[in-house]
Protein backbone atom coordinates (compact mmCIF):
# COMPACT_ATOMS: atom_id res chain seq x y z
CA UNK A 1 0.00 0.00 0.00
CA UNK A 2 2.83 2.38 0.80
CA UNK A 3 4.38 1.73 -2.60
CA UNK A 4 1.11 2.67 -4.31
CA UNK A 5 0.94 5.89 -2.31
CA UNK A 6 4.54 6.69 -3.21
CA UNK A 7 3.90 6.22 -6.94
CA UNK A 8 0.71 8.24 -6.73
CA UNK A 9 2.56 11.06 -4.98
CA UNK A 10 5.02 11.18 -7.89
CA UNK A 11 2.39 11.13 -10.63
CA UNK A 12 -0.21 13.44 -9.07
CA UNK A 13 1.73 16.73 -9.37
CA UNK A 14 2.63 16.03 -13.00
CA UNK A 15 -1.01 15.32 -13.85
CA UNK A 16 -2.20 18.41 -12.01
CA UNK A 17 0.35 20.58 -13.81
CA UNK A 18 -0.72 19.14 -17.15
CA UNK A 19 -4.40 19.69 -16.42
CA UNK A 20 -4.35 23.16 -14.91
CA UNK A 21 -1.34 24.79 -16.57
CA UNK A 22 -0.82 23.17 -19.94
CA UNK A 23 -4.32 22.23 -21.10
CA UNK A 24 -5.68 25.82 -21.05
CA UNK A 25 -2.83 26.90 -23.38
CA UNK A 26 -2.81 23.81 -25.61
CA UNK A 27 -2.82 25.91 -28.81
CA UNK A 28 0.78 27.07 -28.26
CA UNK A 29 3.33 24.71 -29.91
CA UNK A 30 5.75 24.86 -26.97
CA UNK A 31 2.89 23.93 -24.64
CA UNK A 32 2.06 20.92 -26.81
CA UNK A 33 5.70 19.76 -26.61
CA UNK A 34 5.69 20.20 -22.83
CA UNK A 35 2.47 18.23 -22.51
CA UNK A 36 3.81 15.36 -24.63
CA UNK A 37 7.04 15.35 -22.59
CA UNK A 38 5.16 15.33 -19.28
CA UNK A 39 2.84 12.54 -20.37
CA UNK A 40 5.90 10.54 -21.40
CA UNK A 41 7.51 11.12 -18.00
CA UNK A 42 4.28 10.20 -16.24
CA UNK A 43 4.02 6.99 -18.27
CA UNK A 44 7.65 6.16 -17.58
CA UNK A 45 7.20 6.60 -13.83
CA UNK A 46 4.14 4.35 -13.89
CA UNK A 47 5.87 1.69 -16.02
CA UNK A 48 8.94 1.59 -13.79
CA UNK A 49 6.74 1.47 -10.70
CA UNK A 50 4.65 -1.40 -12.04
CA UNK A 51 7.72 -3.40 -13.06
CA UNK A 52 9.44 -2.68 -9.75
CA UNK A 53 6.43 -3.67 -7.68
CA UNK A 54 6.00 -6.83 -9.76
CA UNK A 55 9.65 -7.74 -9.16
CA UNK A 56 9.28 -7.17 -5.43
CA UNK A 57 6.11 -9.23 -5.24
CA UNK A 58 7.67 -12.05 -7.30
CA UNK A 59 10.52 -12.32 -4.78
CA UNK A 60 8.38 -12.05 -1.66
CA UNK A 61 7.30 -15.29 0.00
CA UNK A 62 3.55 -15.71 0.38
CA UNK A 63 1.95 -14.89 3.69
CA UNK A 64 1.21 -17.79 6.01
CA UNK A 65 -2.42 -17.43 6.94
CA UNK A 66 -4.01 -19.21 9.88
CA UNK A 67 -7.61 -20.30 9.59
């Protein structure tokens, strides 16, 4: 759960910046480049996070539940 919160805390500010700063000025070519760059960074962070979490979970022994 903490890992999900950490990833979310990295992605949230980028998404907010894109939505509230870049989208209103989308007609400007430099703004379009910035938006594409930010979406790429956001996607990269998510991809690395997903792969990292999958690697951690693959190497973690399963919990021993008691019924």
